[in-house]
Amino acid sequence: MSKLSRGASATPSQVGVEGAVLAGAIDAIAPDPLAPTLALIRESVARGVQLELDYQNSQGQRERRRVDPLRVESIDTDWYLRGWCHLREAVRTFRLDRISNAIITEQPIEHRATDSDVRLPDVLFEPSPDDLEVTIEVVPSAMPLLTDYIPDGATTVELDGRIRTTLRVSHYHGLKRLIASMPGVATVVAPPSARSAVEDWAREGVARYR
């Protein structure tokens, strides 16, 4: 509801979702390649058991993780698992399209969202030492849509009717999709590697139409 309020011109009506309906909606909305992983995670949550999975981070490194699954969330077509990572001994967010070789174990979960040592923040993205910083310019009306990506204390200045600010992203793949969803609204300013990543991805997309 908080996200809806930030992107709406008026206060949204209250929304209620029944559990079984939500499960069906996940199956219907999720892209086919992710459906088996979503089903596996949902089963592990229902049974209260841990997952083992291979995860590729934003630097391309792959590690075997053991996770207590806590919550599955989506932003547009991107799906994320939030859970307690036993390797890092902390809550971590995992992109489902970076998960592979996931299996359900018979080991009961050791951490729950109600535990005192587990905190699930309201925002999906929290600062990480591995984050990439990107400078963008965006029209003021679109700023509420970027709240989760703007770090605390980020400098914002107005230039020719646009806002220049800093985003933190875990990898350029997510940045490409974010900018593509805001054509003419947001522009990547720096660093050059981020500009090139977005430009190359857009050019490849255009080429496919030919």
Protein backbone atom coordinates (compact mmCIF):
# COMPACT_ATOMS: atom_id res chain seq x y z
CA MET A 1 0.00 0.00 0.00
CA SER A 2 2.93 2.33 0.70
CA LYS A 3 4.29 1.81 -2.82
CA LEU A 4 0.86 2.35 -4.36
CA SER A 5 0.47 5.59 -2.44
CA ARG A 6 3.82 6.94 -3.64
CA GLY A 7 2.93 6.31 -7.28
CA ALA A 8 -0.70 7.42 -7.16
CA SER A 9 -2.37 10.80 -7.44
CA ALA A 10 -4.74 9.95 -4.59
CA THR A 11 -4.84 7.56 -1.64
CA PRO A 12 -5.51 4.03 -2.99
CA SER A 13 -8.37 1.94 -1.65
CA GLN A 14 -7.51 -0.84 0.76
CA VAL A 15 -6.68 -4.16 -0.88
CA GLY A 16 -7.28 -7.64 0.51
CA VAL A 17 -5.75 -10.81 -0.95
CA GLU A 18 -6.79 -14.31 0.04
CA GLY A 19 -3.98 -16.85 0.33
CA ALA A 20 -5.13 -19.37 -2.27
CA VAL A 21 -5.91 -16.61 -4.76
CA LEU A 22 -2.42 -15.18 -4.26
CA ALA A 23 -0.86 -18.57 -4.95
CA GLY A 24 -2.80 -18.84 -8.20
CA ALA A 25 -1.86 -15.28 -9.15
CA ILE A 26 1.83 -16.07 -8.72
CA ASP A 27 1.51 -19.01 -11.10
CA ALA A 28 -0.38 -16.90 -13.64
CA ILE A 29 1.83 -13.79 -13.54
CA ALA A 30 5.30 -15.27 -13.14
CA PRO A 31 7.30 -15.95 -16.30
CA ASP A 32 7.40 -19.68 -17.12
CA PRO A 33 11.14 -20.15 -16.35
CA LEU A 34 10.57 -18.96 -12.79
CA ALA A 35 7.38 -20.91 -12.10
CA PRO A 36 9.16 -24.09 -10.88
CA THR A 37 11.38 -22.07 -8.54
CA LEU A 38 8.39 -20.16 -7.17
CA ALA A 39 6.52 -23.41 -6.60
CA LEU A 40 9.53 -24.88 -4.80
CA ILE A 41 9.87 -21.85 -2.54
CA ARG A 42 6.15 -21.84 -1.76
CA GLU A 43 6.31 -25.51 -0.80
CA SER A 44 9.31 -24.93 1.49
CA VAL A 45 7.47 -22.06 3.21
CA ALA A 46 4.35 -24.18 3.67
CA ARG A 47 6.38 -27.04 5.15
CA GLY A 48 8.63 -24.77 7.21
CA VAL A 49 11.85 -26.30 5.89
CA GLN A 50 15.08 -24.88 4.51
CA LEU A 51 16.17 -24.48 0.90
CA GLU A 52 19.55 -25.20 -0.61
CA LEU A 53 20.38 -23.30 -3.79
CA ASP A 54 23.13 -21.99 -6.03
CA TYR A 55 23.13 -18.20 -6.23
CA GLN A 56 24.99 -15.95 -8.66
CA ASN A 57 25.68 -12.50 -7.24
CA SER A 58 26.01 -9.21 -9.13
CA GLN A 59 29.73 -9.89 -9.77
CA GLY A 60 28.95 -13.22 -11.44
CA GLN A 61 30.21 -15.30 -8.52
CA ARG A 62 28.22 -18.44 -7.72
CA GLU A 63 27.89 -19.88 -4.22
CA ARG A 64 25.90 -22.66 -2.62
CA ARG A 65 23.54 -21.22 -0.01
CA ARG A 66 21.29 -22.67 2.68
CA VAL A 67 18.29 -20.39 3.28
CA ASP A 68 15.31 -20.12 5.61
CA PRO A 69 12.69 -18.70 3.16
CA LEU A 70 10.71 -15.81 4.66
CA ARG A 71 8.99 -13.86 1.87
CA VAL A 72 8.59 -13.75 -1.91
CA GLU A 73 8.05 -10.33 -3.52
CA SER A 74 7.99 -8.86 -7.02
CA ILE A 75 8.75 -5.57 -8.70
CA ASP A 76 7.22 -5.54 -12.18
CA THR A 77 8.33 -8.88 -13.69
CA ASP A 78 11.31 -9.39 -11.36
CA TRP A 79 10.83 -11.77 -8.44
CA TYR A 80 12.83 -11.86 -5.21
CA LEU A 81 13.18 -14.22 -2.25
CA ARG A 82 13.95 -12.74 1.12
CA GLY A 83 15.30 -15.21 3.61
CA TRP A 84 17.84 -15.91 6.33
CA CYS A 85 21.10 -16.93 4.67
CA HIS A 86 23.06 -19.35 6.87
CA LEU A 87 26.27 -18.63 4.95
CA ARG A 88 26.07 -14.87 5.65
CA GLU A 89 24.20 -15.27 8.95
CA ALA A 90 21.81 -12.46 8.04
CA VAL A 91 18.70 -11.66 6.00
CA ARG A 92 19.49 -11.52 2.29
CA THR A 93 17.50 -10.79 -0.88
CA PHE A 94 17.83 -13.23 -3.78
CA ARG A 95 16.70 -12.58 -7.36
CA LEU A 96 14.84 -15.68 -8.51
CA ASP A 97 16.39 -15.56 -11.99
CA ARG A 98 19.84 -15.86 -10.35
CA ILE A 99 18.84 -18.99 -8.40
CA SER A 100 19.63 -22.44 -9.80
CA ASN A 101 19.72 -26.05 -8.60
CA ALA A 102 17.33 -25.29 -5.73
CA ILE A 103 16.19 -28.21 -3.58
CA ILE A 104 13.95 -28.54 -0.54
CA THR A 105 15.65 -30.06 2.49
CA GLU A 106 14.14 -31.86 5.46
CA GLN A 107 15.83 -29.42 7.87
CA PRO A 108 13.31 -27.20 9.72
CA ILE A 109 13.84 -23.45 9.37
CA GLU A 110 15.70 -21.85 12.27
CA HIS A 111 14.68 -18.22 11.76
CA ARG A 112 11.27 -16.59 11.25
CA ALA A 113 10.15 -13.06 10.47
CA THR A 114 8.73 -12.84 14.01
CA ASP A 115 12.10 -13.58 15.66
CA SER A 116 13.89 -10.72 17.40
CA ASP A 117 17.07 -11.24 15.37
CA VAL A 118 15.25 -11.13 12.01
CA ARG A 119 14.20 -7.80 10.52
CA LEU A 120 12.41 -7.53 7.16
CA PRO A 121 12.49 -3.85 6.18
CA ASP A 122 9.58 -2.24 4.35
CA VAL A 123 11.77 -1.49 1.32
CA LEU A 124 13.02 -4.35 -0.83
CA PHE A 125 16.48 -2.91 -1.44
CA GLU A 126 18.89 -2.05 1.34
CA PRO A 127 22.42 -0.67 0.94
CA SER A 128 25.15 -3.23 0.40
CA PRO A 129 28.92 -2.83 -0.03
CA ASP A 130 28.52 -4.54 -3.42
CA ASP A 131 25.98 -2.00 -4.74
CA LEU A 132 26.72 0.05 -7.86
CA GLU A 133 26.07 3.80 -7.76
CA VAL A 134 24.49 5.42 -10.83
CA THR A 135 23.72 9.09 -11.47
CA ILE A 136 20.47 9.75 -13.32
CA GLU A 137 18.26 12.64 -14.33
CA VAL A 138 14.51 12.15 -13.96
CA VAL A 139 11.37 14.26 -14.25
CA PRO A 140 10.14 15.32 -10.77
CA SER A 141 6.80 13.50 -11.07
CA ALA A 142 8.60 10.15 -11.39
CA MET A 143 10.74 10.53 -8.26
CA PRO A 144 8.28 8.58 -6.04
CA LEU A 145 8.76 5.54 -8.31
CA LEU A 146 12.48 5.47 -7.49
CA THR A 147 12.30 5.83 -3.72
CA ASP A 148 13.50 2.29 -3.01
CA TYR A 149 16.63 2.82 -5.12
CA ILE A 150 17.75 6.19 -3.74
CA PRO A 151 20.12 5.84 -0.74
CA ASP A 152 19.69 7.92 2.38
CA GLY A 153 21.58 11.19 2.13
CA ALA A 154 21.72 11.16 -1.67
CA THR A 155 22.26 14.62 -3.20
CA THR A 156 19.46 15.82 -5.46
CA VAL A 157 19.65 18.96 -7.59
CA GLU A 158 17.24 20.43 -10.13
CA LEU A 159 18.62 21.06 -13.62
CA ASP A 160 16.43 22.44 -16.40
CA GLY A 161 13.25 21.02 -14.91
CA ARG A 162 14.73 17.61 -14.11
CA ILE A 163 16.08 16.10 -10.89
CA ARG A 164 19.62 14.73 -10.83
CA THR A 165 20.18 12.14 -8.13
CA THR A 166 21.97 8.90 -7.32
CA LEU A 167 20.59 5.37 -7.44
CA ARG A 168 22.07 2.24 -5.92
CA VAL A 169 21.54 -0.95 -7.89
CA SER A 170 22.90 -4.43 -7.37
CA HIS A 171 23.71 -4.90 -11.08
CA TYR A 172 23.25 -3.21 -14.44
CA HIS A 173 20.68 -5.74 -15.63
CA GLY A 174 18.13 -4.33 -13.22
CA LEU A 175 19.14 -0.78 -14.20
CA LYS A 176 18.53 -1.53 -17.89
CA ARG A 177 15.03 -2.75 -17.22
CA LEU A 178 14.27 0.14 -14.87
CA ILE A 179 15.32 2.79 -17.42
CA ALA A 180 13.54 0.97 -20.26
CA SER A 181 10.31 1.14 -18.24
CA MET A 182 10.62 4.95 -18.06
CA PRO A 183 11.27 6.08 -21.66
CA GLY A 184 11.83 9.82 -21.91
CA VAL A 185 11.38 10.11 -18.16
CA ALA A 186 14.77 8.98 -16.79
CA THR A 187 18.26 9.23 -18.30
CA VAL A 188 21.50 7.65 -17.10
CA VAL A 189 24.22 10.30 -16.68
CA ALA A 190 27.13 8.39 -15.13
CA PRO A 191 29.24 6.32 -14.89
CA PRO A 192 30.09 5.65 -18.57
CA SER A 193 29.83 1.88 -18.00
CA ALA A 194 26.21 2.28 -16.88
CA ARG A 195 25.38 4.48 -19.88
CA SER A 196 26.97 1.94 -22.23
CA ALA A 197 25.11 -0.98 -20.63
CA VAL A 198 21.74 0.74 -21.10
CA GLU A 199 22.56 1.97 -24.62
CA ASP A 200 23.84 -1.43 -25.83
CA TRP A 201 20.79 -3.19 -24.41
CA ALA A 202 18.44 -0.71 -26.11
CA ARG A 203 20.25 -1.04 -29.45
CA GLU A 204 20.02 -4.84 -29.28
CA GLY A 205 16.30 -4.53 -28.63
CA VAL A 206 15.81 -2.22 -31.60
CA ALA A 207 17.81 -4.58 -33.83
CA ARG A 208 15.44 -7.42 -33.04
CA TYR A 209 12.56 -5.51 -34.62
CA ARG A 210 14.43 -5.55 -37.92
